Amino acid sequence: MELPLAQMTVSEKLHVIETVWEDLARDEEQIESPDWHFQELHDRAQRTEAGTEKVLDWETAKAELRKRFP
């Protein structure tokens, strides 16, 4: 199946993405995460516990990124 992406509006493209994401989420148990995801989660948990990485809520993270990349 091909979509006419060049002719679609941003809104239409986002709607397609949302529809696909919702469909995938219905069968999420069939989607396996790659091994490196589990390793990355483990590594981040260790860095957080060691105090070398901080966890930010999404609003704070967005604000910091917007300051860094205006």
N, C-alpha and C. Protein backbone atom coordinates (compact mmCIF):
# COMPACT_ATOMS: atom_id res chain seq x y z
N MET A 1 0.84 -1.18 0.00
CA MET A 1 0.00 0.00 0.00
C MET A 1 0.88 1.24 0.00
N GLU A 2 0.57 2.16 -0.86
CA GLU A 2 1.31 3.42 -0.91
C GLU A 2 0.39 4.58 -0.59
N LEU A 3 0.91 5.53 0.16
CA LEU A 3 0.16 6.73 0.49
C LEU A 3 0.71 7.89 -0.32
N PRO A 4 -0.15 8.79 -0.78
CA PRO A 4 0.32 9.95 -1.55
C PRO A 4 0.88 11.02 -0.61
N LEU A 5 1.99 10.71 0.04
CA LEU A 5 2.54 11.59 1.08
C LEU A 5 2.81 13.00 0.58
N ALA A 6 3.31 13.13 -0.63
CA ALA A 6 3.63 14.46 -1.15
C ALA A 6 2.38 15.33 -1.30
N GLN A 7 1.23 14.70 -1.47
CA GLN A 7 -0.01 15.45 -1.64
C GLN A 7 -0.80 15.61 -0.33
N MET A 8 -0.37 14.94 0.71
CA MET A 8 -1.11 14.98 1.98
C MET A 8 -0.69 16.18 2.82
N THR A 9 -1.66 16.71 3.57
CA THR A 9 -1.36 17.79 4.50
C THR A 9 -0.69 17.19 5.75
N VAL A 10 -0.10 18.05 6.54
CA VAL A 10 0.51 17.59 7.80
C VAL A 10 -0.57 16.96 8.67
N SER A 11 -1.73 17.56 8.71
CA SER A 11 -2.82 17.02 9.52
C SER A 11 -3.21 15.62 9.06
N GLU A 12 -3.28 15.41 7.76
CA GLU A 12 -3.62 14.09 7.23
C GLU A 12 -2.54 13.06 7.57
N LYS A 13 -1.28 13.47 7.45
CA LYS A 13 -0.18 12.57 7.78
C LYS A 13 -0.22 12.19 9.26
N LEU A 14 -0.47 13.16 10.12
CA LEU A 14 -0.55 12.87 11.56
C LEU A 14 -1.72 11.95 11.86
N HIS A 15 -2.81 12.12 11.15
CA HIS A 15 -3.96 11.23 11.35
C HIS A 15 -3.60 9.79 10.97
N VAL A 16 -2.87 9.61 9.88
CA VAL A 16 -2.44 8.27 9.47
C VAL A 16 -1.54 7.67 10.54
N ILE A 17 -0.58 8.45 11.03
CA ILE A 17 0.33 7.97 12.07
C ILE A 17 -0.46 7.56 13.32
N GLU A 18 -1.41 8.39 13.72
CA GLU A 18 -2.22 8.09 14.90
C GLU A 18 -3.03 6.81 14.71
N THR A 19 -3.58 6.64 13.52
CA THR A 19 -4.38 5.44 13.24
C THR A 19 -3.51 4.19 13.29
N VAL A 20 -2.33 4.25 12.70
CA VAL A 20 -1.42 3.10 12.72
C VAL A 20 -0.99 2.81 14.16
N TRP A 21 -0.64 3.85 14.93
CA TRP A 21 -0.19 3.66 16.31
C TRP A 21 -1.28 3.01 17.15
N GLU A 22 -2.53 3.47 16.99
CA GLU A 22 -3.64 2.88 17.75
C GLU A 22 -3.82 1.41 17.38
N ASP A 23 -3.67 1.09 16.11
CA ASP A 23 -3.80 -0.29 15.67
C ASP A 23 -2.69 -1.16 16.26
N LEU A 24 -1.46 -0.65 16.26
CA LEU A 24 -0.35 -1.40 16.84
C LEU A 24 -0.55 -1.60 18.34
N ALA A 25 -1.07 -0.59 19.01
CA ALA A 25 -1.25 -0.66 20.46
C ALA A 25 -2.27 -1.72 20.86
N ARG A 26 -3.19 -2.04 19.98
CA ARG A 26 -4.18 -3.08 20.29
C ARG A 26 -3.52 -4.45 20.41
N ASP A 27 -2.42 -4.66 19.72
CA ASP A 27 -1.72 -5.95 19.73
C ASP A 27 -0.31 -5.80 20.29
N GLU A 28 -0.15 -4.96 21.31
CA GLU A 28 1.19 -4.64 21.80
C GLU A 28 1.94 -5.85 22.34
N GLU A 29 1.22 -6.88 22.80
CA GLU A 29 1.93 -8.06 23.31
C GLU A 29 2.63 -8.82 22.20
N GLN A 30 2.27 -8.56 20.95
CA GLN A 30 2.92 -9.22 19.82
C GLN A 30 4.18 -8.48 19.37
N ILE A 31 4.40 -7.29 19.91
CA ILE A 31 5.56 -6.50 19.51
C ILE A 31 6.66 -6.73 20.54
N GLU A 32 7.75 -7.29 20.10
CA GLU A 32 8.87 -7.56 21.01
C GLU A 32 9.89 -6.43 20.95
N SER A 33 10.30 -5.98 22.10
CA SER A 33 11.36 -4.98 22.15
C SER A 33 12.69 -5.66 21.90
N PRO A 34 13.58 -4.98 21.19
CA PRO A 34 14.91 -5.57 20.98
C PRO A 34 15.69 -5.61 22.30
N ASP A 35 16.65 -6.50 22.37
CA ASP A 35 17.43 -6.68 23.59
C ASP A 35 18.09 -5.39 24.06
N TRP A 36 18.52 -4.54 23.11
CA TRP A 36 19.21 -3.32 23.51
C TRP A 36 18.29 -2.40 24.29
N HIS A 37 16.96 -2.47 24.11
CA HIS A 37 16.04 -1.66 24.91
C HIS A 37 16.16 -2.02 26.39
N PHE A 38 16.17 -3.32 26.68
CA PHE A 38 16.27 -3.77 28.07
C PHE A 38 17.60 -3.36 28.67
N GLN A 39 18.67 -3.45 27.89
CA GLN A 39 19.99 -3.04 28.38
C GLN A 39 20.01 -1.54 28.67
N GLU A 40 19.42 -0.76 27.77
CA GLU A 40 19.38 0.69 27.97
C GLU A 40 18.57 1.05 29.22
N LEU A 41 17.44 0.40 29.43
CA LEU A 41 16.65 0.65 30.64
C LEU A 41 17.44 0.31 31.90
N HIS A 42 18.16 -0.80 31.86
CA HIS A 42 19.00 -1.21 32.99
C HIS A 42 20.08 -0.17 33.24
N ASP A 43 20.76 0.26 32.17
CA ASP A 43 21.84 1.25 32.31
C ASP A 43 21.31 2.57 32.86
N ARG A 44 20.17 3.01 32.37
CA ARG A 44 19.60 4.27 32.85
C ARG A 44 19.20 4.18 34.31
N ALA A 45 18.63 3.05 34.71
CA ALA A 45 18.26 2.86 36.11
C ALA A 45 19.50 2.93 37.00
N GLN A 46 20.59 2.32 36.55
CA GLN A 46 21.83 2.37 37.34
C GLN A 46 22.36 3.79 37.44
N ARG A 47 22.33 4.54 36.33
CA ARG A 47 22.81 5.93 36.36
C ARG A 47 21.93 6.80 37.25
N THR A 48 20.63 6.55 37.23
CA THR A 48 19.72 7.31 38.08
C THR A 48 19.99 7.01 39.55
N GLU A 49 20.15 5.74 39.88
CA GLU A 49 20.44 5.35 41.26
C GLU A 49 21.77 5.92 41.73
N ALA A 50 22.75 5.99 40.82
CA ALA A 50 24.07 6.51 41.16
C ALA A 50 24.08 8.04 41.23
N GLY A 51 23.01 8.67 40.75
CA GLY A 51 22.94 10.13 40.78
C GLY A 51 23.64 10.80 39.62
N THR A 52 24.03 10.04 38.61
CA THR A 52 24.72 10.63 37.46
C THR A 52 23.76 10.97 36.33
N GLU A 53 22.50 10.63 36.50
CA GLU A 53 21.48 10.97 35.50
C GLU A 53 20.23 11.38 36.25
N LYS A 54 19.61 12.47 35.79
CA LYS A 54 18.39 12.89 36.46
C LYS A 54 17.19 12.64 35.56
N VAL A 55 16.06 12.42 36.19
CA VAL A 55 14.82 12.17 35.47
C VAL A 55 14.00 13.45 35.50
N LEU A 56 13.52 13.86 34.33
CA LEU A 56 12.71 15.06 34.22
C LEU A 56 11.31 14.70 33.75
N ASP A 57 10.32 15.46 34.23
CA ASP A 57 9.00 15.26 33.66
C ASP A 57 9.01 15.87 32.25
N TRP A 58 8.05 15.48 31.45
CA TRP A 58 8.06 15.84 30.03
C TRP A 58 8.01 17.36 29.83
N GLU A 59 7.22 18.08 30.62
CA GLU A 59 7.12 19.53 30.44
C GLU A 59 8.46 20.21 30.72
N THR A 60 9.16 19.77 31.75
CA THR A 60 10.47 20.34 32.07
C THR A 60 11.47 20.00 30.98
N ALA A 61 11.45 18.77 30.51
CA ALA A 61 12.37 18.36 29.45
C ALA A 61 12.14 19.19 28.19
N LYS A 62 10.88 19.39 27.81
CA LYS A 62 10.58 20.20 26.62
C LYS A 62 11.08 21.63 26.80
N ALA A 63 10.86 22.20 27.98
CA ALA A 63 11.30 23.57 28.24
C ALA A 63 12.81 23.69 28.13
N GLU A 64 13.54 22.72 28.69
CA GLU A 64 15.00 22.74 28.61
C GLU A 64 15.48 22.60 27.17
N LEU A 65 14.84 21.73 26.41
CA LEU A 65 15.22 21.56 25.00
C LEU A 65 14.95 22.82 24.19
N ARG A 66 13.84 23.48 24.48
CA ARG A 66 13.51 24.71 23.75
C ARG A 66 14.50 25.82 24.06
N LYS A 67 15.01 25.86 25.30
CA LYS A 67 16.04 26.84 25.64
C LYS A 67 17.33 26.54 24.90
N ARG A 68 17.67 25.26 24.83
CA ARG A 68 18.92 24.84 24.21
C ARG A 68 18.88 24.96 22.69
N PHE A 69 17.70 24.72 22.11
CA PHE A 69 17.55 24.73 20.65
C PHE A 69 16.39 25.66 20.26
N PRO A 70 16.62 26.97 20.35
CA PRO A 70 15.52 27.92 20.06
C PRO A 70 15.07 27.88 18.59
